[in-house]
N, C-alpha and C. Protein backbone atom coordinates (compact mmCIF):
# COMPACT_ATOMS: atom_id res chain seq x y z
N MET A 1 8.08 2.07 -74.08
CA MET A 1 8.93 1.90 -74.88
C MET A 1 10.04 0.89 -74.61
N GLN A 2 10.16 0.19 -75.91
CA GLN A 2 11.47 -0.66 -75.85
C GLN A 2 12.61 -0.08 -76.21
N SER A 3 13.89 -0.81 -75.80
CA SER A 3 15.11 -0.27 -76.45
C SER A 3 15.62 -0.80 -78.00
N ARG A 4 14.65 -2.17 -77.94
CA ARG A 4 15.20 -2.79 -79.43
C ARG A 4 13.82 -3.37 -79.79
N TYR A 5 13.55 -3.47 -80.97
CA TYR A 5 12.22 -3.95 -81.66
C TYR A 5 12.60 -5.00 -82.68
N ALA A 6 12.27 -6.70 -82.33
CA ALA A 6 12.44 -7.69 -83.34
C ALA A 6 11.73 -7.42 -84.72
N ALA A 7 11.78 -8.02 -85.53
CA ALA A 7 11.16 -8.03 -86.76
C ALA A 7 9.61 -8.58 -86.79
N GLU A 8 9.39 -9.25 -85.50
CA GLU A 8 8.23 -9.78 -85.17
C GLU A 8 8.22 -10.21 -83.58
N PHE A 9 7.06 -9.39 -82.92
CA PHE A 9 6.79 -9.61 -81.87
C PHE A 9 5.13 -9.28 -81.58
N HIS A 10 4.59 -9.97 -80.41
CA HIS A 10 3.31 -9.71 -80.04
C HIS A 10 3.25 -8.73 -78.48
N ARG A 11 2.22 -8.05 -78.56
CA ARG A 11 2.07 -7.20 -77.01
C ARG A 11 0.67 -6.96 -77.03
N GLU A 12 0.37 -6.28 -75.81
CA GLU A 12 -1.07 -5.78 -75.59
C GLU A 12 -1.19 -4.21 -75.80
N GLN A 13 -1.94 -3.73 -76.34
CA GLN A 13 -2.16 -2.33 -76.45
C GLN A 13 -3.48 -1.87 -75.80
N GLY A 14 -3.45 -0.85 -74.99
CA GLY A 14 -4.68 -0.47 -74.23
C GLY A 14 -5.46 0.44 -74.84
N PHE A 15 -6.32 -0.23 -76.14
CA PHE A 15 -7.32 0.41 -76.87
C PHE A 15 -8.38 -0.40 -77.01
N GLY A 16 -9.44 0.05 -77.32
CA GLY A 16 -10.63 -0.57 -77.98
C GLY A 16 -10.48 -0.43 -79.40
N GLU A 17 -10.92 -1.24 -80.33
CA GLU A 17 -10.80 -1.22 -81.62
C GLU A 17 -11.18 -0.05 -82.33
N ALA A 18 -12.14 0.88 -82.03
CA ALA A 18 -12.68 1.81 -82.50
C ALA A 18 -11.35 3.09 -82.48
N ASP A 19 -10.79 3.18 -81.09
CA ASP A 19 -9.90 3.90 -80.86
C ASP A 19 -8.51 3.87 -81.56
N TRP A 20 -8.08 2.34 -81.60
CA TRP A 20 -7.03 2.02 -82.43
C TRP A 20 -6.95 2.45 -83.67
N LEU A 21 -8.20 2.17 -84.25
CA LEU A 21 -8.25 2.54 -85.60
C LEU A 21 -8.30 4.11 -86.10
N ARG A 22 -8.79 4.82 -85.06
CA ARG A 22 -8.84 6.22 -85.13
C ARG A 22 -7.24 6.77 -84.95
N CYS A 23 -6.56 6.23 -83.99
CA CYS A 23 -5.17 6.61 -83.83
C CYS A 23 -4.12 6.19 -84.97
N LEU A 24 -4.40 4.88 -85.47
CA LEU A 24 -3.30 4.24 -86.33
C LEU A 24 -2.84 5.27 -87.33
N PRO A 25 -3.46 6.20 -88.32
CA PRO A 25 -2.77 7.00 -89.24
C PRO A 25 -2.03 7.74 -88.77
N GLY A 26 -2.07 8.43 -87.45
CA GLY A 26 -1.27 9.41 -86.94
C GLY A 26 0.09 8.52 -86.28
N ALA A 27 -0.37 7.41 -85.98
CA ALA A 27 0.97 6.44 -85.38
C ALA A 27 1.96 6.05 -86.25
N VAL A 28 1.34 6.06 -87.45
CA VAL A 28 2.27 5.52 -88.64
C VAL A 28 2.72 6.69 -89.41
N ARG A 29 2.35 7.88 -88.87
CA ARG A 29 2.82 9.10 -89.60
C ARG A 29 2.25 9.27 -90.87
N ASP A 30 0.97 8.84 -91.05
CA ASP A 30 0.12 8.99 -92.17
C ASP A 30 0.66 8.44 -93.32
N ALA A 31 1.67 7.25 -93.08
CA ALA A 31 1.82 6.26 -94.42
C ALA A 31 0.71 5.63 -94.75
N ALA A 32 1.04 4.96 -95.89
CA ALA A 32 -0.11 4.35 -96.34
C ALA A 32 -0.70 3.09 -95.55
N VAL A 33 -2.00 3.13 -95.43
CA VAL A 33 -2.56 1.86 -94.71
C VAL A 33 -3.58 1.22 -95.30
N ASP A 34 -3.50 -0.10 -95.40
CA ASP A 34 -4.56 -1.02 -96.08
C ASP A 34 -5.28 -1.78 -94.94
N LEU A 35 -6.38 -1.23 -94.88
CA LEU A 35 -7.61 -1.91 -93.82
C LEU A 35 -8.39 -2.81 -94.58
N ALA A 36 -8.21 -3.45 -95.48
CA ALA A 36 -9.16 -4.25 -96.49
C ALA A 36 -9.70 -5.38 -95.46
N THR A 37 -8.84 -6.00 -94.70
CA THR A 37 -9.14 -7.27 -93.88
C THR A 37 -9.48 -6.83 -92.50
N PRO A 38 -10.51 -7.10 -92.05
CA PRO A 38 -11.13 -6.91 -90.62
C PRO A 38 -10.06 -7.49 -89.49
N GLY A 39 -9.46 -6.55 -88.77
CA GLY A 39 -8.47 -7.03 -87.61
C GLY A 39 -7.21 -7.38 -88.19
N GLN A 40 -6.79 -6.45 -89.19
CA GLN A 40 -5.58 -6.51 -89.62
C GLN A 40 -5.31 -5.00 -90.51
N ALA A 41 -4.02 -4.70 -90.37
CA ALA A 41 -3.51 -3.40 -91.31
C ALA A 41 -2.35 -3.84 -91.86
N ARG A 42 -2.05 -3.33 -93.03
CA ARG A 42 -0.83 -3.33 -93.95
C ARG A 42 -0.12 -1.99 -93.88
N VAL A 43 0.90 -1.64 -93.36
CA VAL A 43 1.53 -0.24 -93.59
C VAL A 43 2.74 -0.25 -94.11
N ALA A 44 2.79 0.64 -95.33
CA ALA A 44 4.08 0.98 -95.94
C ALA A 44 5.00 1.46 -94.91
N VAL A 45 6.29 0.99 -94.86
CA VAL A 45 7.42 1.55 -94.07
C VAL A 45 8.60 1.34 -94.83
N GLY A 46 9.26 2.54 -95.19
CA GLY A 46 10.14 2.29 -96.41
C GLY A 46 10.20 1.76 -97.46
N SER A 47 10.91 0.84 -97.54
CA SER A 47 10.82 -0.03 -98.83
C SER A 47 10.28 -1.21 -98.73
N GLY A 48 9.62 -1.33 -97.27
CA GLY A 48 9.01 -2.72 -96.97
C GLY A 48 7.63 -2.57 -96.18
N ALA A 49 7.34 -3.19 -95.27
CA ALA A 49 6.04 -2.99 -94.93
C ALA A 49 5.94 -3.90 -93.40
N LEU A 50 4.88 -3.23 -92.48
CA LEU A 50 4.68 -3.77 -91.30
C LEU A 50 3.12 -4.27 -91.54
N THR A 51 2.75 -5.44 -90.97
CA THR A 51 1.49 -6.08 -90.99
C THR A 51 1.35 -6.03 -89.67
N LEU A 52 -0.03 -5.51 -89.13
CA LEU A 52 -0.63 -5.64 -87.82
C LEU A 52 -1.77 -6.46 -87.83
N ARG A 53 -1.87 -7.40 -86.87
CA ARG A 53 -3.13 -8.10 -86.80
C ARG A 53 -3.25 -8.26 -85.21
N TRP A 54 -4.60 -7.75 -84.76
CA TRP A 54 -5.09 -7.64 -84.00
C TRP A 54 -6.44 -8.37 -83.65
N GLN A 55 -6.63 -8.72 -82.03
CA GLN A 55 -7.95 -9.50 -81.65
C GLN A 55 -8.22 -8.50 -80.18
N VAL A 56 -9.65 -8.22 -80.10
CA VAL A 56 -10.03 -7.82 -79.06
C VAL A 56 -10.06 -8.74 -77.80
N LEU A 57 -9.49 -8.17 -76.59
CA LEU A 57 -9.38 -9.01 -75.22
C LEU A 57 -10.64 -8.54 -74.44
N PRO A 58 -10.67 -9.20 -73.75
CA PRO A 58 -11.68 -8.70 -72.63
C PRO A 58 -11.25 -7.46 -71.73
N PRO A 59 -12.03 -6.59 -71.32
CA PRO A 59 -11.32 -5.57 -70.45
C PRO A 59 -10.72 -5.83 -69.37
N ARG A 60 -9.68 -5.20 -69.12
CA ARG A 60 -8.99 -5.38 -67.74
C ARG A 60 -9.61 -4.67 -66.64
N GLN A 61 -10.11 -5.35 -65.70
CA GLN A 61 -10.68 -4.76 -64.69
C GLN A 61 -9.87 -4.14 -63.35
N LEU A 62 -10.26 -3.02 -63.09
CA LEU A 62 -9.51 -2.54 -61.95
C LEU A 62 -10.62 -1.69 -61.08
N GLY A 63 -11.27 -2.86 -60.19
CA GLY A 63 -12.14 -2.18 -59.32
C GLY A 63 -13.53 -2.29 -60.05
N LEU A 64 -14.32 -1.29 -60.22
CA LEU A 64 -15.25 -0.96 -61.14
C LEU A 64 -15.08 -0.60 -62.38
N VAL A 65 -13.81 -0.08 -62.72
CA VAL A 65 -13.20 0.25 -64.12
C VAL A 65 -12.83 -0.78 -64.85
N GLY A 66 -13.09 -0.77 -66.22
CA GLY A 66 -12.67 -1.62 -67.33
C GLY A 66 -11.81 -0.98 -68.31
N PHE A 67 -10.75 -1.50 -68.55
CA PHE A 67 -9.78 -1.05 -69.76
C PHE A 67 -9.74 -1.71 -70.62
N MET A 68 -10.07 -1.43 -71.98
CA MET A 68 -10.32 -1.70 -73.23
C MET A 68 -8.80 -2.42 -73.57
N ARG A 69 -8.61 -3.26 -74.31
CA ARG A 69 -7.39 -4.02 -74.73
C ARG A 69 -7.30 -4.63 -76.20
N LEU A 70 -6.22 -4.72 -76.93
CA LEU A 70 -6.18 -5.56 -77.82
C LEU A 70 -4.97 -6.43 -77.87
N ALA A 71 -4.77 -7.47 -78.16
CA ALA A 71 -3.49 -8.49 -78.40
C ALA A 71 -3.17 -7.98 -79.93
N VAL A 72 -1.97 -7.57 -79.86
CA VAL A 72 -1.58 -7.03 -81.15
C VAL A 72 -0.36 -7.92 -81.69
N GLN A 73 -0.14 -8.32 -82.78
CA GLN A 73 0.88 -8.91 -83.52
C GLN A 73 1.49 -8.08 -84.56
N PHE A 74 2.82 -7.58 -84.48
CA PHE A 74 3.58 -6.65 -85.39
C PHE A 74 4.45 -7.56 -85.95
N ARG A 75 4.51 -7.58 -87.40
CA ARG A 75 5.42 -8.09 -88.20
C ARG A 75 5.96 -7.32 -89.30
N PHE A 76 7.13 -6.97 -89.32
CA PHE A 76 8.08 -6.13 -90.47
C PHE A 76 8.52 -7.26 -91.50
N ASP A 77 8.35 -6.87 -92.61
CA ASP A 77 8.87 -7.67 -93.96
C ASP A 77 9.77 -6.51 -94.83
N GLY A 78 10.93 -6.89 -94.99
CA GLY A 78 11.56 -6.01 -95.81
C GLY A 78 11.91 -4.61 -95.25
N VAL A 79 12.22 -4.22 -93.80
CA VAL A 79 12.35 -3.19 -93.32
C VAL A 79 13.86 -3.25 -92.53
N ALA A 80 14.47 -2.40 -92.76
CA ALA A 80 15.92 -2.33 -92.43
C ALA A 80 15.83 -2.27 -90.92
N ASP A 81 16.66 -2.61 -90.16
CA ASP A 81 16.66 -2.68 -88.68
C ASP A 81 16.43 -0.93 -88.15
N ASP A 82 17.53 -0.16 -88.70
CA ASP A 82 17.34 1.38 -88.25
C ASP A 82 16.14 1.92 -88.36
N GLU A 83 15.42 1.65 -89.82
CA GLU A 83 14.05 2.17 -89.95
C GLU A 83 12.92 1.38 -89.18
N ARG A 84 13.17 0.10 -88.78
CA ARG A 84 12.11 -0.25 -87.89
C ARG A 84 12.20 0.13 -86.53
N GLN A 85 13.56 0.41 -86.01
CA GLN A 85 13.54 0.87 -84.53
C GLN A 85 13.13 2.44 -84.51
N ALA A 86 13.55 3.19 -85.65
CA ALA A 86 13.00 4.69 -85.74
C ALA A 86 11.36 4.58 -85.81
N PHE A 87 10.82 3.93 -86.35
CA PHE A 87 9.17 3.73 -86.76
C PHE A 87 8.57 3.62 -85.52
N MET A 88 9.09 2.40 -84.78
CA MET A 88 8.48 1.93 -83.55
C MET A 88 8.74 2.63 -82.46
N LYS A 89 9.73 3.64 -82.35
CA LYS A 89 10.04 4.59 -81.42
C LYS A 89 9.03 5.80 -81.59
N TYR A 90 8.63 6.33 -82.67
CA TYR A 90 7.65 7.05 -82.98
C TYR A 90 6.24 6.45 -82.57
N PHE A 91 5.80 5.24 -83.17
CA PHE A 91 4.60 4.69 -82.79
C PHE A 91 4.28 4.49 -81.46
N ASP A 92 5.47 4.07 -80.63
CA ASP A 92 5.39 3.89 -79.17
C ASP A 92 4.86 5.33 -78.54
N LEU A 93 5.59 6.42 -78.87
CA LEU A 93 5.35 7.60 -78.14
C LEU A 93 3.80 8.06 -78.60
N TYR A 94 3.53 7.91 -79.81
CA TYR A 94 2.33 8.44 -80.32
C TYR A 94 1.16 7.68 -79.43
N THR A 95 1.12 6.25 -79.35
CA THR A 95 0.06 5.65 -78.72
C THR A 95 0.21 5.53 -77.20
N GLN A 96 1.34 6.14 -76.78
CA GLN A 96 1.37 6.22 -75.14
C GLN A 96 0.20 6.65 -74.70
N ARG A 97 -0.17 5.95 -73.62
CA ARG A 97 -1.60 6.31 -72.95
C ARG A 97 -1.23 6.58 -71.40
N GLY A 98 -2.02 7.57 -70.71
CA GLY A 98 -1.99 7.31 -69.39
C GLY A 98 -1.09 8.79 -68.94
N GLY A 99 -0.79 8.76 -67.58
CA GLY A 99 0.10 9.75 -67.14
C GLY A 99 1.41 9.58 -66.80
N GLY A 100 2.12 10.31 -66.24
CA GLY A 100 3.70 10.15 -65.93
C GLY A 100 4.00 10.31 -64.53
């Protein structure tokens, strides 16, 4: 989890596309999600929106094990800074993978 989130950023997420799409409604707290375009989602956030664009990357290999991953672009439009920070804090906690 980051301490601050810019209005636009890119990062790698440890998901396959099917798992990503299954997880997305909960990660956005059941906000309205438009999935009309493959590899893209538009999410209502307050009075603005978040556009997510993703591309499947080759699995990351660790010995014999391969970990699915996506390159994801996050772009917030018309979302206040405090709303963006709160949204992403929840999103990151919801999508966190692995142990501690």
